[in-house]
């Protein structure tokens, strides 16, 4: 008897019409079926990978949002430029120190030669 009742229930369920899932679209839009991984972007939107990390849309100005990977690239380039700048700054400071040392030697030599009363005294000014 239980088997007959269970079979009857199954037949009744199979006879019921299947209820389709429904969705609605805003006016002026067109529905579409997409494959897995497909992207739909408006002409004014930036399309990004489904795994992309982006900042909140109110974080940026009118130009839009930025992807985290792009920000990381820019930060890396910035760090590289800062490193190069610091190396050039160190090199410049070393050159300035050398210039100032040579300038002191030149002034001392000029003073010594200028105060020499003969050629022998002037020769003694040379290092």
N, C-alpha and C. Protein backbone atom coordinates (compact mmCIF):
# COMPACT_ATOMS: atom_id res chain seq x y z
N UNK A 1 0.82 -1.19 0.00
CA UNK A 1 0.00 0.00 0.00
C UNK A 1 0.87 1.25 0.00
N UNK A 2 1.99 1.22 0.78
CA UNK A 2 2.87 2.39 0.84
C UNK A 2 3.52 2.62 -0.52
N UNK A 3 3.88 1.51 -1.19
CA UNK A 3 4.50 1.64 -2.50
C UNK A 3 3.54 2.26 -3.50
N UNK A 4 2.28 1.90 -3.41
CA UNK A 4 1.28 2.44 -4.33
C UNK A 4 1.08 3.93 -4.07
N UNK A 5 1.06 4.34 -2.81
CA UNK A 5 0.87 5.75 -2.47
C UNK A 5 2.07 6.57 -2.92
N UNK A 6 3.27 6.03 -2.74
CA UNK A 6 4.48 6.75 -3.16
C UNK A 6 4.52 6.88 -4.66
N UNK A 7 4.12 5.83 -5.36
CA UNK A 7 4.09 5.89 -6.83
C UNK A 7 3.07 6.90 -7.29
N UNK A 8 1.93 6.96 -6.62
CA UNK A 8 0.89 7.91 -6.99
C UNK A 8 1.38 9.34 -6.80
N UNK A 9 2.11 9.59 -5.70
CA UNK A 9 2.67 10.93 -5.45
C UNK A 9 3.64 11.32 -6.53
N UNK A 10 4.50 10.41 -6.91
CA UNK A 10 5.48 10.70 -7.96
C UNK A 10 4.81 11.00 -9.28
N UNK A 11 3.77 10.26 -9.62
CA UNK A 11 3.05 10.51 -10.87
C UNK A 11 2.37 11.88 -10.84
N UNK A 12 1.84 12.25 -9.70
CA UNK A 12 1.19 13.55 -9.59
C UNK A 12 2.20 14.69 -9.71
N UNK A 13 3.38 14.51 -9.10
CA UNK A 13 4.42 15.53 -9.20
C UNK A 13 4.92 15.67 -10.63
N UNK A 14 5.05 14.54 -11.30
CA UNK A 14 5.53 14.57 -12.69
C UNK A 14 4.51 15.23 -13.59
N UNK A 15 3.24 15.12 -13.25
CA UNK A 15 2.19 15.68 -14.08
C UNK A 15 2.07 17.20 -13.92
N UNK A 16 2.59 17.74 -12.81
CA UNK A 16 2.50 19.19 -12.59
C UNK A 16 3.39 19.92 -13.59
N UNK A 17 2.96 21.04 -14.11
CA UNK A 17 3.81 21.78 -15.03
C UNK A 17 5.02 22.33 -14.28
N UNK A 18 6.18 22.28 -14.93
CA UNK A 18 7.41 22.81 -14.32
C UNK A 18 7.34 24.32 -14.34
N UNK A 19 7.65 24.90 -13.21
CA UNK A 19 7.62 26.36 -13.11
C UNK A 19 8.98 26.90 -13.54
N UNK A 20 8.99 27.69 -14.59
CA UNK A 20 10.25 28.26 -15.10
C UNK A 20 10.68 29.42 -14.21
N UNK A 21 11.98 29.60 -14.14
CA UNK A 21 12.48 30.76 -13.42
C UNK A 21 12.18 31.99 -14.26
N UNK A 22 11.86 33.06 -13.62
CA UNK A 22 11.55 34.26 -14.38
C UNK A 22 12.45 35.41 -13.94
N UNK A 23 12.63 36.33 -14.84
CA UNK A 23 13.39 37.54 -14.53
C UNK A 23 12.79 38.66 -15.34
N UNK A 24 13.12 39.85 -14.94
CA UNK A 24 12.60 40.99 -15.68
C UNK A 24 13.74 41.95 -15.96
N UNK A 25 13.55 42.74 -16.98
CA UNK A 25 14.56 43.71 -17.37
C UNK A 25 13.97 45.10 -17.28
N UNK A 26 14.83 46.06 -17.05
CA UNK A 26 14.39 47.45 -17.06
C UNK A 26 13.93 47.81 -18.46
N UNK A 27 13.09 48.81 -18.54
CA UNK A 27 12.63 49.27 -19.85
C UNK A 27 13.81 49.73 -20.71
N UNK A 28 13.78 49.41 -21.98
CA UNK A 28 14.85 49.83 -22.89
C UNK A 28 16.05 48.92 -22.86
N UNK A 29 15.97 47.79 -22.13
CA UNK A 29 17.09 46.86 -22.09
C UNK A 29 16.68 45.56 -22.76
N UNK A 30 17.67 44.76 -23.08
CA UNK A 30 17.40 43.51 -23.76
C UNK A 30 18.02 42.36 -22.98
N UNK A 31 17.25 41.30 -22.68
CA UNK A 31 17.80 40.17 -21.94
C UNK A 31 18.75 39.37 -22.83
N UNK A 32 19.69 38.67 -22.21
CA UNK A 32 20.64 37.84 -22.95
C UNK A 32 21.04 36.66 -22.09
N UNK A 33 21.35 35.55 -22.73
CA UNK A 33 21.89 34.38 -22.04
C UNK A 33 23.39 34.38 -22.26
N UNK A 34 24.14 34.23 -21.19
CA UNK A 34 25.59 34.32 -21.27
C UNK A 34 26.22 32.99 -20.93
N UNK A 35 27.37 32.73 -21.54
CA UNK A 35 28.16 31.55 -21.18
C UNK A 35 28.89 31.84 -19.88
N UNK A 36 29.37 30.79 -19.24
CA UNK A 36 30.15 30.93 -18.01
C UNK A 36 31.39 31.77 -18.30
N UNK A 37 31.63 32.76 -17.48
CA UNK A 37 32.82 33.61 -17.63
C UNK A 37 32.64 34.74 -18.62
N UNK A 38 31.49 34.82 -19.29
CA UNK A 38 31.27 35.90 -20.26
C UNK A 38 31.11 37.21 -19.51
N UNK A 39 31.47 38.29 -20.18
CA UNK A 39 31.36 39.62 -19.59
C UNK A 39 30.49 40.49 -20.46
N UNK A 40 29.73 41.33 -19.83
CA UNK A 40 28.93 42.31 -20.55
C UNK A 40 29.30 43.67 -19.99
N UNK A 41 29.69 44.55 -20.86
CA UNK A 41 30.10 45.88 -20.42
C UNK A 41 29.43 46.93 -21.30
N UNK A 42 29.02 47.98 -20.67
CA UNK A 42 28.49 49.08 -21.46
C UNK A 42 29.66 49.81 -22.10
N UNK A 43 29.39 50.62 -23.13
CA UNK A 43 30.49 51.34 -23.78
C UNK A 43 31.22 52.30 -22.84
N UNK A 44 30.59 52.66 -21.73
CA UNK A 44 31.18 53.63 -20.82
C UNK A 44 31.78 52.97 -19.57
N UNK A 45 31.80 51.63 -19.55
CA UNK A 45 32.27 50.92 -18.36
C UNK A 45 33.63 50.29 -18.60
N UNK A 46 34.36 50.07 -17.51
CA UNK A 46 35.59 49.29 -17.57
C UNK A 46 35.22 47.85 -17.23
N UNK A 47 35.62 46.92 -18.07
CA UNK A 47 35.36 45.51 -17.79
C UNK A 47 36.56 44.94 -17.03
N UNK A 48 36.29 44.19 -16.02
CA UNK A 48 37.36 43.60 -15.23
C UNK A 48 37.07 42.12 -15.04
N UNK A 49 38.09 41.35 -14.74
CA UNK A 49 37.98 39.94 -14.44
C UNK A 49 37.13 39.75 -13.19
N UNK A 50 36.45 38.62 -13.11
CA UNK A 50 35.57 38.38 -11.95
C UNK A 50 36.33 38.31 -10.64
N UNK A 51 37.63 38.06 -10.69
CA UNK A 51 38.43 37.99 -9.47
C UNK A 51 39.15 39.29 -9.17
N UNK A 52 38.92 40.33 -9.96
CA UNK A 52 39.62 41.59 -9.77
C UNK A 52 39.19 42.25 -8.47
N UNK A 53 40.14 42.92 -7.85
CA UNK A 53 39.85 43.69 -6.64
C UNK A 53 39.79 45.15 -7.06
N UNK A 54 38.69 45.80 -6.82
CA UNK A 54 38.55 47.20 -7.19
C UNK A 54 38.14 48.00 -5.97
N UNK A 55 38.38 49.28 -6.06
CA UNK A 55 38.00 50.16 -4.97
C UNK A 55 36.56 50.63 -5.17
N UNK A 56 35.96 51.07 -4.12
CA UNK A 56 34.61 51.59 -4.16
C UNK A 56 34.51 52.70 -5.20
N UNK A 57 33.41 52.78 -5.89
CA UNK A 57 33.27 53.76 -6.97
C UNK A 57 33.37 55.20 -6.48
N UNK A 58 33.13 55.44 -5.20
CA UNK A 58 33.22 56.81 -4.70
C UNK A 58 34.62 57.15 -4.22
N UNK A 59 35.56 56.21 -4.35
CA UNK A 59 36.94 56.44 -3.94
C UNK A 59 37.66 57.33 -4.93
N UNK A 60 37.25 57.27 -6.18
CA UNK A 60 37.97 57.97 -7.25
C UNK A 60 37.17 59.17 -7.75
N UNK A 61 37.79 59.89 -8.65
CA UNK A 61 37.14 61.06 -9.22
C UNK A 61 36.23 60.64 -10.38
N UNK A 62 35.87 61.58 -11.22
CA UNK A 62 34.95 61.34 -12.31
C UNK A 62 35.50 60.38 -13.37
N UNK A 63 36.79 60.09 -13.35
CA UNK A 63 37.39 59.22 -14.36
C UNK A 63 37.11 57.75 -14.08
N UNK A 64 36.63 57.40 -12.91
CA UNK A 64 36.26 56.03 -12.63
C UNK A 64 37.10 55.39 -11.56
N UNK A 65 37.02 54.05 -11.52
CA UNK A 65 37.72 53.30 -10.49
C UNK A 65 39.05 52.79 -11.02
N UNK A 66 39.83 52.23 -10.13
CA UNK A 66 41.12 51.66 -10.51
C UNK A 66 41.20 50.25 -9.94
N UNK A 67 41.74 49.33 -10.73
CA UNK A 67 41.92 47.96 -10.24
C UNK A 67 43.12 47.91 -9.30
N UNK A 68 43.05 47.04 -8.32
CA UNK A 68 44.15 46.91 -7.35
C UNK A 68 45.44 46.53 -8.04
N UNK A 69 45.37 45.65 -9.05
CA UNK A 69 46.59 45.25 -9.75
C UNK A 69 47.23 46.44 -10.45
N UNK A 70 46.43 47.33 -11.01
CA UNK A 70 46.97 48.52 -11.65
C UNK A 70 47.59 49.44 -10.62
N UNK A 71 46.93 49.59 -9.48
CA UNK A 71 47.47 50.42 -8.41
C UNK A 71 48.78 49.84 -7.90
N UNK A 72 48.85 48.51 -7.77
CA UNK A 72 50.09 47.86 -7.34
C UNK A 72 51.21 48.11 -8.34
N UNK A 73 50.90 48.05 -9.64
CA UNK A 73 51.90 48.33 -10.68
C UNK A 73 52.42 49.76 -10.57
N UNK A 74 51.50 50.69 -10.40
CA UNK A 74 51.89 52.10 -10.28
C UNK A 74 52.72 52.32 -9.02
N UNK A 75 52.33 51.69 -7.91
CA UNK A 75 53.09 51.82 -6.67
C UNK A 75 54.49 51.24 -6.83
N UNK A 76 54.59 50.12 -7.54
CA UNK A 76 55.91 49.53 -7.81
C UNK A 76 56.78 50.45 -8.64
N UNK A 77 56.19 51.03 -9.68
CA UNK A 77 56.94 51.97 -10.53
C UNK A 77 57.35 53.20 -9.72
N UNK A 78 56.47 53.69 -8.86
CA UNK A 78 56.78 54.84 -8.01
C UNK A 78 57.97 54.52 -7.11
N UNK A 79 57.93 53.34 -6.48
CA UNK A 79 59.04 52.94 -5.61
C UNK A 79 60.35 52.86 -6.38
N UNK A 80 60.28 52.37 -7.61
CA UNK A 80 61.47 52.28 -8.46
C UNK A 80 62.02 53.67 -8.77
N UNK A 81 61.13 54.60 -9.09
CA UNK A 81 61.55 55.98 -9.39
C UNK A 81 62.15 56.63 -8.15
N UNK A 82 61.55 56.40 -6.99
CA UNK A 82 62.09 56.95 -5.73
C UNK A 82 63.48 56.40 -5.46
N UNK A 83 63.67 55.10 -5.69
CA UNK A 83 64.99 54.48 -5.48
C UNK A 83 66.02 55.09 -6.42
N UNK A 84 65.66 55.26 -7.69
CA UNK A 84 66.58 55.88 -8.65
C UNK A 84 66.88 57.33 -8.27
N UNK A 85 65.85 58.06 -7.83
CA UNK A 85 66.03 59.45 -7.42
C UNK A 85 67.00 59.53 -6.25
N UNK A 86 66.82 58.66 -5.25
CA UNK A 86 67.70 58.67 -4.09
C UNK A 86 69.14 58.33 -4.46
N UNK A 87 69.33 57.40 -5.40
CA UNK A 87 70.68 57.06 -5.86
C UNK A 87 71.31 58.25 -6.57
N UNK A 88 70.53 58.93 -7.42
CA UNK A 88 71.05 60.12 -8.11
C UNK A 88 71.33 61.25 -7.13
N UNK A 89 70.50 61.40 -6.12
CA UNK A 89 70.72 62.43 -5.11
C UNK A 89 72.01 62.16 -4.34
N UNK A 90 72.24 60.90 -3.98
CA UNK A 90 73.49 60.54 -3.29
C UNK A 90 74.70 60.83 -4.18
N UNK A 91 74.59 60.46 -5.46
CA UNK A 91 75.69 60.71 -6.40
C UNK A 91 75.94 62.21 -6.55
N UNK A 92 74.86 62.98 -6.63
CA UNK A 92 74.99 64.43 -6.74
C UNK A 92 75.67 65.01 -5.50
N UNK A 93 75.26 64.56 -4.32
CA UNK A 93 75.87 65.06 -3.07
C UNK A 93 77.36 64.72 -3.01
N UNK A 94 77.73 63.53 -3.48
CA UNK A 94 79.15 63.17 -3.51
C UNK A 94 79.93 64.07 -4.48
N UNK A 95 79.32 64.36 -5.63
CA UNK A 95 79.98 65.25 -6.60
C UNK A 95 80.11 66.67 -6.04
N UNK A 96 79.10 67.14 -5.33
CA UNK A 96 79.17 68.47 -4.72
C UNK A 96 80.28 68.50 -3.68
N UNK A 97 80.40 67.45 -2.87
CA UNK A 97 81.47 67.38 -1.87
C UNK A 97 82.85 67.41 -2.54
N UNK A 98 83.03 66.65 -3.63
CA UNK A 98 84.30 66.64 -4.36
C UNK A 98 84.59 68.02 -4.95
N UNK A 99 83.55 68.64 -5.52
CA UNK A 99 83.70 69.98 -6.10
C UNK A 99 84.16 70.97 -5.03
N UNK A 100 83.49 70.94 -3.88
CA UNK A 100 83.85 71.87 -2.81
C UNK A 100 85.27 71.62 -2.29
N UNK A 101 85.69 70.35 -2.22
CA UNK A 101 87.06 70.03 -1.79
C UNK A 101 88.07 70.55 -2.81
N UNK A 102 87.79 70.35 -4.09
CA UNK A 102 88.70 70.86 -5.14
C UNK A 102 88.72 72.39 -5.15
N UNK A 103 87.57 72.99 -4.89
CA UNK A 103 87.51 74.45 -4.85
C UNK A 103 88.38 75.00 -3.71
N UNK A 104 88.32 74.34 -2.54
CA UNK A 104 89.17 74.77 -1.41
C UNK A 104 90.65 74.64 -1.76
N UNK A 105 91.03 73.51 -2.39
CA UNK A 105 92.43 73.31 -2.78
C UNK A 105 92.84 74.38 -3.79
N UNK A 106 91.97 74.65 -4.72
CA UNK A 106 92.27 75.66 -5.75
C UNK A 106 92.46 77.05 -5.12
N UNK A 107 91.60 77.39 -4.18
CA UNK A 107 91.71 78.70 -3.52
C UNK A 107 92.99 78.78 -2.68
N UNK A 108 93.27 77.67 -1.98
CA UNK A 108 94.50 77.65 -1.18
C UNK A 108 95.72 77.78 -2.09
N UNK A 109 95.69 77.07 -3.22
CA UNK A 109 96.81 77.14 -4.16
C UNK A 109 96.93 78.54 -4.75
N UNK A 110 95.81 79.11 -5.12
CA UNK A 110 95.81 80.47 -5.68
C UNK A 110 96.36 81.47 -4.67
N UNK A 111 95.96 81.33 -3.42
CA UNK A 111 96.44 82.23 -2.36
C UNK A 111 97.94 82.06 -2.15
N UNK A 112 98.38 80.79 -2.12
CA UNK A 112 99.79 80.51 -1.89
C UNK A 112 100.65 81.08 -3.03
N UNK A 113 100.24 80.82 -4.26
CA UNK A 113 101.01 81.31 -5.41
C UNK A 113 100.96 82.83 -5.46
N UNK A 114 99.81 83.40 -5.12
CA UNK A 114 99.67 84.87 -5.13
C UNK A 114 100.55 85.54 -4.10
N UNK A 115 100.80 84.87 -2.98
CA UNK A 115 101.62 85.44 -1.92
C UNK A 115 103.11 85.13 -2.09
N UNK A 116 103.43 84.25 -3.07
CA UNK A 116 104.84 83.89 -3.28
C UNK A 116 105.59 85.08 -3.86
N UNK A 117 106.80 85.27 -3.39
CA UNK A 117 107.60 86.41 -3.88
C UNK A 117 108.54 85.98 -4.99
N UNK A 118 108.74 84.67 -5.19
CA UNK A 118 109.59 84.21 -6.29
C UNK A 118 109.11 82.84 -6.74
N UNK A 119 109.73 82.34 -7.79
CA UNK A 119 109.30 81.07 -8.39
C UNK A 119 109.51 79.89 -7.45
N UNK A 120 110.56 79.90 -6.66
CA UNK A 120 110.81 78.80 -5.72
C UNK A 120 109.71 78.71 -4.67
N UNK A 121 109.26 79.86 -4.16
CA UNK A 121 108.15 79.85 -3.19
C UNK A 121 106.87 79.35 -3.86
N UNK A 122 106.65 79.71 -5.10
CA UNK A 122 105.44 79.29 -5.84
C UNK A 122 105.48 77.79 -6.07
N UNK A 123 106.69 77.23 -6.36
CA UNK A 123 106.80 75.76 -6.57
C UNK A 123 106.48 75.01 -5.29
N UNK A 124 106.79 75.59 -4.15
CA UNK A 124 106.50 74.90 -2.88
C UNK A 124 105.01 74.85 -2.57
N UNK A 125 104.21 75.64 -3.28
CA UNK A 125 102.74 75.60 -3.07
C UNK A 125 102.10 74.33 -3.64
N UNK A 126 102.76 73.71 -4.61
CA UNK A 126 102.21 72.51 -5.23
C UNK A 126 102.26 71.32 -4.27
N UNK A 127 101.24 70.47 -4.28
CA UNK A 127 101.24 69.33 -3.37
C UNK A 127 102.22 68.24 -3.82
